[in-house]
Amino acid sequence: MFTAMAYGEVVSVELMATQKGKEFHKIVIQDGVPTYNGDPNRLEFVLWPDDSNKTPRTLGDVKVGCMVAVQATLRSREYKGKFYTDVGATKLEVLHSTPVAPPVQIPDVTVPEFDDVPF
């Protein structure tokens, strides 16, 4: 098992269920580092319920647009000869609960050069 931390903006939060009816949350975040083609880097985490009560964990202030820190564990398992890797969120901390405004795009302004100045 491998543990890692990730920081980013929440893109989506979904309540999902397995085929056996076990409910869990799927959280997708993106960081500010673009990939090779310019798209934002997105990470998907699964927040499984506590083993004690089998109900989905509450997310508190986690909503789309807020900044979070996620501690995650990576687990791989084999099923019918194929390996599947699960990125499970073990700790979820809200850094900024209000959505962060996107950076302002400043247009590229070119200043024309003048050869003859009137002064």
Foldseek 3Di string as FASTA:
>chain_A
DDKDKDKFFWADWDWDADPVGQIWIKIKGWHPDADPVRHTDIDIAIEGPDPPPSHYDDPPLDDGQFMKMFMWDWDWDDDPRDIDIHTYTPDIGTPGSDHDDDDDDDDDDDDDDDPDDPD
